[in-house]
Amino acid sequence: MSAERVKPSVNRKNRWIAAALMLPGVLFIVFFMLVPLFSLCLTSFFPGERFSLSSYFSLFGDVYFQQVFIRSLRLSLLSTALCALLGFPTAYYIAKLPRLVKGVLDAVLTVFPMFTSPVIRSFSWMVILGKKGIVNSALVSLGIFAKPQSLLYNEFSMTVGFVQLFLPLMILSLIGVMDH
């Protein structure tokens, strides 16, 4: 009987310790994420003293915002489609391999690229796609273009960047689904 009495007090003590350890993180999230978010929502729905959707009507009525929204939607759909087209066959191939080989390919093709900072990977694409980069040098030397083309700071380079950032995640997700 004495063992049964000790057990609940130990569980209560562990709960208090867990709550005390989580408290700083919870307070940080509340004060630096939730309070500003609710403040922004209140300001957007109550620009004056009364409830109004005028802020949203003016935002969605703005031509510039519409162009930015459509461009963002187009880039996200294109990047998702390219990641799916490249990631599905890769994940299928990896999922059908023997367990040991699958682990090695998983690490080399998907996990290792995530160890490199996205900023560094993005800057490396700037070197590759720049005016004096590898791609432009190859295109000019093959005679496809007479002078180097601008391959940076456009939708093409943004799509390349999105695909290189999210393709490993797509492959890992698909391998996980195809394994089971």
C-alpha atoms as a PDB file:
ATOM      1  CA  MET A   1       0.000   0.000   0.000  1.00  0.00           C
ATOM      2  CA  SER A   2       2.796   2.415   0.734  1.00  0.00           C
ATOM      3  CA  ALA A   3       4.071   2.083  -2.849  1.00  0.00           C
ATOM      4  CA  GLU A   4       0.680   3.151  -4.193  1.00  0.00           C
ATOM      5  CA  ARG A   5       0.705   6.276  -2.044  1.00  0.00           C
ATOM      6  CA  VAL A   6       4.189   7.333  -3.169  1.00  0.00           C
ATOM      7  CA  LYS A   7       3.437   6.980  -6.859  1.00  0.00           C
ATOM      8  CA  PRO A   8       0.810   9.783  -7.145  1.00  0.00           C
ATOM      9  CA  SER A   9       3.042  12.277  -5.320  1.00  0.00           C
ATOM     10  CA  VAL A  10       5.942  11.476  -7.655  1.00  0.00           C
ATOM     11  CA  ASN A  11       3.667  12.043 -10.669  1.00  0.00           C
ATOM     12  CA  ARG A  12       2.502  15.367  -9.207  1.00  0.00           C
ATOM     13  CA  LYS A  13       6.099  16.408  -8.637  1.00  0.00           C
ATOM     14  CA  ASN A  14       7.033  15.487 -12.226  1.00  0.00           C
ATOM     15  CA  ARG A  15       4.073  17.478 -13.533  1.00  0.00           C
ATOM     16  CA  TRP A  16       5.178  20.559 -11.613  1.00  0.00           C
ATOM     17  CA  ILE A  17       8.734  20.185 -12.877  1.00  0.00           C
ATOM     18  CA  ALA A  18       7.479  19.789 -16.458  1.00  0.00           C
ATOM     19  CA  ALA A  19       5.216  22.833 -16.084  1.00  0.00           C
ATOM     20  CA  ALA A  20       8.063  24.895 -14.629  1.00  0.00           C
ATOM     21  CA  LEU A  21      10.354  23.904 -17.502  1.00  0.00           C
ATOM     22  CA  MET A  22       7.729  24.783 -20.126  1.00  0.00           C
ATOM     23  CA  LEU A  23       6.794  28.123 -18.553  1.00  0.00           C
ATOM     24  CA  PRO A  24       9.572  30.270 -20.119  1.00  0.00           C
ATOM     25  CA  GLY A  25       8.817  28.944 -23.617  1.00  0.00           C
ATOM     26  CA  VAL A  26       5.081  29.418 -23.201  1.00  0.00           C
ATOM     27  CA  LEU A  27       5.553  32.968 -21.880  1.00  0.00           C
ATOM     28  CA  PHE A  28       7.855  33.785 -24.797  1.00  0.00           C
ATOM     29  CA  ILE A  29       5.297  32.533 -27.322  1.00  0.00           C
ATOM     30  CA  VAL A  30       2.444  34.375 -25.616  1.00  0.00           C
ATOM     31  CA  PHE A  31       4.206  37.731 -25.296  1.00  0.00           C
ATOM     32  CA  PHE A  32       6.187  37.800 -28.531  1.00  0.00           C
ATOM     33  CA  MET A  33       3.835  35.941 -30.888  1.00  0.00           C
ATOM     34  CA  LEU A  34       0.255  35.810 -29.667  1.00  0.00           C
ATOM     35  CA  VAL A  35      -0.036  39.310 -28.182  1.00  0.00           C
ATOM     36  CA  PRO A  36       1.285  41.029 -31.355  1.00  0.00           C
ATOM     37  CA  LEU A  37      -0.879  38.769 -33.539  1.00  0.00           C
ATOM     38  CA  PHE A  38      -4.064  39.593 -31.633  1.00  0.00           C
ATOM     39  CA  SER A  39      -3.095  43.272 -31.540  1.00  0.00           C
ATOM     40  CA  LEU A  40      -2.689  43.250 -35.334  1.00  0.00           C
ATOM     41  CA  CYS A  41      -6.039  41.490 -35.787  1.00  0.00           C
ATOM     42  CA  LEU A  42      -7.820  43.965 -33.524  1.00  0.00           C
ATOM     43  CA  THR A  43      -6.265  46.899 -35.349  1.00  0.00           C
ATOM     44  CA  SER A  44      -7.248  45.493 -38.743  1.00  0.00           C
ATOM     45  CA  PHE A  45     -10.854  44.749 -37.781  1.00  0.00           C
ATOM     46  CA  PHE A  46     -11.319  47.914 -35.688  1.00  0.00           C
ATOM     47  CA  PRO A  47      -9.498  50.721 -37.557  1.00  0.00           C
ATOM     48  CA  GLY A  48     -11.715  53.245 -35.790  1.00  0.00           C
ATOM     49  CA  GLU A  49     -14.076  52.648 -32.937  1.00  0.00           C
ATOM     50  CA  ARG A  50     -16.365  50.231 -34.820  1.00  0.00           C
ATOM     51  CA  PHE A  51     -15.936  46.888 -36.528  1.00  0.00           C
ATOM     52  CA  SER A  52     -15.054  47.297 -40.204  1.00  0.00           C
ATOM     53  CA  LEU A  53     -13.672  45.269 -43.081  1.00  0.00           C
ATOM     54  CA  SER A  54     -12.576  48.387 -44.948  1.00  0.00           C
ATOM     55  CA  SER A  55      -8.884  47.555 -44.469  1.00  0.00           C
ATOM     56  CA  TYR A  56      -9.359  44.226 -46.230  1.00  0.00           C
ATOM     57  CA  PHE A  57     -11.499  45.691 -49.027  1.00  0.00           C
ATOM     58  CA  SER A  58      -8.855  48.318 -49.744  1.00  0.00           C
ATOM     59  CA  LEU A  59      -6.102  45.676 -49.615  1.00  0.00           C
ATOM     60  CA  PHE A  60      -7.827  43.261 -51.995  1.00  0.00           C
ATOM     61  CA  GLY A  61      -8.927  46.134 -54.239  1.00  0.00           C
ATOM     62  CA  ASP A  62      -5.353  47.330 -54.724  1.00  0.00           C
ATOM     63  CA  VAL A  63      -3.990  46.328 -58.155  1.00  0.00           C
ATOM     64  CA  TYR A  64      -0.415  46.018 -56.858  1.00  0.00           C
ATOM     65  CA  PHE A  65      -1.504  43.584 -54.123  1.00  0.00           C
ATOM     66  CA  GLN A  66      -3.470  41.550 -56.667  1.00  0.00           C
ATOM     67  CA  GLN A  67      -0.403  41.275 -58.910  1.00  0.00           C
ATOM     68  CA  VAL A  68       1.807  40.229 -55.992  1.00  0.00           C
ATOM     69  CA  PHE A  69      -0.775  37.687 -54.815  1.00  0.00           C
ATOM     70  CA  ILE A  70      -1.170  36.144 -58.291  1.00  0.00           C
ATOM     71  CA  ARG A  71       2.609  36.007 -58.794  1.00  0.00           C
ATOM     72  CA  SER A  72       3.095  34.355 -55.396  1.00  0.00           C
ATOM     73  CA  LEU A  73       0.355  31.846 -56.132  1.00  0.00           C
ATOM     74  CA  ARG A  74       1.840  31.058 -59.557  1.00  0.00           C
ATOM     75  CA  LEU A  75       5.345  30.582 -58.143  1.00  0.00           C
ATOM     76  CA  SER A  76       4.130  28.380 -55.297  1.00  0.00           C
ATOM     77  CA  LEU A  77       2.071  26.161 -57.611  1.00  0.00           C
ATOM     78  CA  LEU A  78       4.923  25.854 -60.120  1.00  0.00           C
ATOM     79  CA  SER A  79       7.455  25.044 -57.386  1.00  0.00           C
ATOM     80  CA  THR A  80       5.125  22.473 -55.822  1.00  0.00           C
ATOM     81  CA  ALA A  81       4.505  20.843 -59.196  1.00  0.00           C
ATOM     82  CA  LEU A  82       8.234  20.683 -59.990  1.00  0.00           C
ATOM     83  CA  CYS A  83       9.029  19.272 -56.541  1.00  0.00           C
ATOM     84  CA  ALA A  84       6.339  16.633 -57.024  1.00  0.00           C
ATOM     85  CA  LEU A  85       7.535  15.774 -60.554  1.00  0.00           C
ATOM     86  CA  LEU A  86      11.148  15.455 -59.435  1.00  0.00           C
ATOM     87  CA  GLY A  87      10.492  14.101 -55.962  1.00  0.00           C
ATOM     88  CA  PHE A  88       7.974  11.348 -56.679  1.00  0.00           C
ATOM     89  CA  PRO A  89      10.167   9.221 -58.964  1.00  0.00           C
ATOM     90  CA  THR A  90      13.171   9.783 -56.704  1.00  0.00           C
ATOM     91  CA  ALA A  91      11.236   8.818 -53.578  1.00  0.00           C
ATOM     92  CA  TYR A  92       9.701   5.812 -55.319  1.00  0.00           C
ATOM     93  CA  TYR A  93      13.120   4.596 -56.428  1.00  0.00           C
ATOM     94  CA  ILE A  94      14.600   5.083 -52.944  1.00  0.00           C
ATOM     95  CA  ALA A  95      11.618   3.443 -51.210  1.00  0.00           C
ATOM     96  CA  LYS A  96      12.008   0.269 -53.315  1.00  0.00           C
ATOM     97  CA  LEU A  97      15.719  -0.163 -52.537  1.00  0.00           C
ATOM     98  CA  PRO A  98      17.070  -2.519 -49.854  1.00  0.00           C
ATOM     99  CA  ARG A  99      17.048  -1.054 -46.347  1.00  0.00           C
ATOM    100  CA  LEU A 100      20.800  -0.350 -46.108  1.00  0.00           C
ATOM    101  CA  VAL A 101      21.060   1.326 -49.515  1.00  0.00           C
ATOM    102  CA  LYS A 102      17.873   3.282 -48.823  1.00  0.00           C
ATOM    103  CA  GLY A 103      19.357   4.702 -45.623  1.00  0.00           C
ATOM    104  CA  VAL A 104      22.517   5.840 -47.393  1.00  0.00           C
ATOM    105  CA  LEU A 105      20.624   7.442 -50.308  1.00  0.00           C
ATOM    106  CA  ASP A 106      18.186   9.027 -47.878  1.00  0.00           C
ATOM    107  CA  ALA A 107      21.049  10.672 -46.052  1.00  0.00           C
ATOM    108  CA  VAL A 108      23.049  11.706 -49.106  1.00  0.00           C
ATOM    109  CA  LEU A 109      20.192  13.033 -51.260  1.00  0.00           C
ATOM    110  CA  THR A 110      17.851  14.529 -48.704  1.00  0.00           C
ATOM    111  CA  VAL A 111      19.279  14.935 -45.216  1.00  0.00           C
ATOM    112  CA  PHE A 112      22.801  16.192 -46.019  1.00  0.00           C
ATOM    113  CA  PRO A 113      21.563  19.117 -48.166  1.00  0.00           C
ATOM    114  CA  MET A 114      19.497  20.279 -45.192  1.00  0.00           C
ATOM    115  CA  PHE A 115      22.660  20.573 -43.074  1.00  0.00           C
ATOM    116  CA  THR A 116      23.799  23.418 -45.314  1.00  0.00           C
ATOM    117  CA  SER A 117      22.191  26.737 -44.515  1.00  0.00           C
ATOM    118  CA  PRO A 118      19.485  27.845 -46.979  1.00  0.00           C
ATOM    119  CA  VAL A 119      21.269  31.202 -47.206  1.00  0.00           C
ATOM    120  CA  ILE A 120      24.495  29.538 -48.329  1.00  0.00           C
ATOM    121  CA  ARG A 121      22.622  27.357 -50.836  1.00  0.00           C
ATOM    122  CA  SER A 122      20.843  30.428 -52.205  1.00  0.00           C
ATOM    123  CA  PHE A 123      24.113  32.346 -52.579  1.00  0.00           C
ATOM    124  CA  SER A 124      25.634  29.385 -54.402  1.00  0.00           C
ATOM    125  CA  TRP A 125      22.793  29.620 -56.931  1.00  0.00           C
ATOM    126  CA  MET A 126      23.686  33.282 -57.364  1.00  0.00           C
ATOM    127  CA  VAL A 127      27.194  32.206 -58.347  1.00  0.00           C
ATOM    128  CA  ILE A 128      25.884  29.498 -60.685  1.00  0.00           C
ATOM    129  CA  LEU A 129      23.221  31.655 -62.383  1.00  0.00           C
ATOM    130  CA  GLY A 130      25.129  34.977 -62.381  1.00  0.00           C
ATOM    131  CA  LYS A 131      26.260  36.858 -65.514  1.00  0.00           C
ATOM    132  CA  LYS A 132      29.702  35.220 -65.226  1.00  0.00           C
ATOM    133  CA  GLY A 133      28.348  32.003 -63.753  1.00  0.00           C
ATOM    134  CA  ILE A 134      28.635  28.425 -64.947  1.00  0.00           C
ATOM    135  CA  VAL A 135      25.260  28.355 -66.722  1.00  0.00           C
ATOM    136  CA  ASN A 136      25.792  31.599 -68.647  1.00  0.00           C
ATOM    137  CA  SER A 137      29.342  30.601 -69.577  1.00  0.00           C
ATOM    138  CA  ALA A 138      28.089  27.275 -70.924  1.00  0.00           C
ATOM    139  CA  LEU A 139      25.218  28.896 -72.868  1.00  0.00           C
ATOM    140  CA  VAL A 140      27.529  31.466 -74.466  1.00  0.00           C
ATOM    141  CA  SER A 141      30.263  28.935 -75.303  1.00  0.00           C
ATOM    142  CA  LEU A 142      27.695  26.585 -76.883  1.00  0.00           C
ATOM    143  CA  GLY A 143      26.512  29.460 -79.063  1.00  0.00           C
ATOM    144  CA  ILE A 144      22.965  29.444 -77.685  1.00  0.00           C
ATOM    145  CA  PHE A 145      23.302  33.098 -76.650  1.00  0.00           C
ATOM    146  CA  ALA A 146      25.662  35.759 -78.004  1.00  0.00           C
ATOM    147  CA  LYS A 147      26.048  37.462 -74.611  1.00  0.00           C
ATOM    148  CA  PRO A 148      25.284  36.404 -71.007  1.00  0.00           C
ATOM    149  CA  GLN A 149      21.625  36.535 -70.027  1.00  0.00           C
ATOM    150  CA  SER A 150      20.100  37.776 -66.793  1.00  0.00           C
ATOM    151  CA  LEU A 151      19.144  34.570 -64.988  1.00  0.00           C
ATOM    152  CA  LEU A 152      18.945  36.124 -61.525  1.00  0.00           C
ATOM    153  CA  TYR A 153      16.252  38.183 -59.808  1.00  0.00           C
ATOM    154  CA  ASN A 154      13.391  36.835 -61.896  1.00  0.00           C
ATOM    155  CA  GLU A 155      10.733  34.130 -61.604  1.00  0.00           C
ATOM    156  CA  PHE A 156      13.056  31.485 -63.045  1.00  0.00           C
ATOM    157  CA  SER A 157      15.676  31.966 -60.329  1.00  0.00           C
ATOM    158  CA  MET A 158      12.990  32.151 -57.632  1.00  0.00           C
ATOM    159  CA  THR A 159      11.546  28.849 -58.832  1.00  0.00           C
ATOM    160  CA  VAL A 160      15.004  27.260 -58.853  1.00  0.00           C
ATOM    161  CA  GLY A 161      15.542  28.510 -55.305  1.00  0.00           C
ATOM    162  CA  PHE A 162      12.191  27.219 -54.060  1.00  0.00           C
ATOM    163  CA  VAL A 163      12.726  23.830 -55.658  1.00  0.00           C
ATOM    164  CA  GLN A 164      16.211  23.412 -54.190  1.00  0.00           C
ATOM    165  CA  LEU A 165      14.884  24.393 -50.762  1.00  0.00           C
ATOM    166  CA  PHE A 166      11.788  22.194 -50.738  1.00  0.00           C
ATOM    167  CA  LEU A 167      12.706  19.192 -52.895  1.00  0.00           C
ATOM    168  CA  PRO A 168      14.481  17.358 -50.040  1.00  0.00           C
ATOM    169  CA  LEU A 169      11.413  17.839 -47.851  1.00  0.00           C
ATOM    170  CA  MET A 170       9.154  16.511 -50.603  1.00  0.00           C
ATOM    171  CA  ILE A 171      11.362  13.455 -51.089  1.00  0.00           C
ATOM    172  CA  LEU A 172      11.543  12.722 -47.363  1.00  0.00           C
ATOM    173  CA  SER A 173       7.770  13.063 -46.988  1.00  0.00           C
ATOM    174  CA  LEU A 174       7.062  10.811 -49.956  1.00  0.00           C
ATOM    175  CA  ILE A 175       9.573   8.158 -48.821  1.00  0.00           C
ATOM    176  CA  GLY A 176       7.851   8.068 -45.452  1.00  0.00           C
ATOM    177  CA  VAL A 177       4.486   7.513 -47.091  1.00  0.00           C
ATOM    178  CA  MET A 178       5.763   4.956 -49.600  1.00  0.00           C
ATOM    179  CA  ASP A 179       7.517   2.888 -46.912  1.00  0.00           C
ATOM    180  CA  HIS A 180       4.240   2.027 -45.233  1.00  0.00           C
END
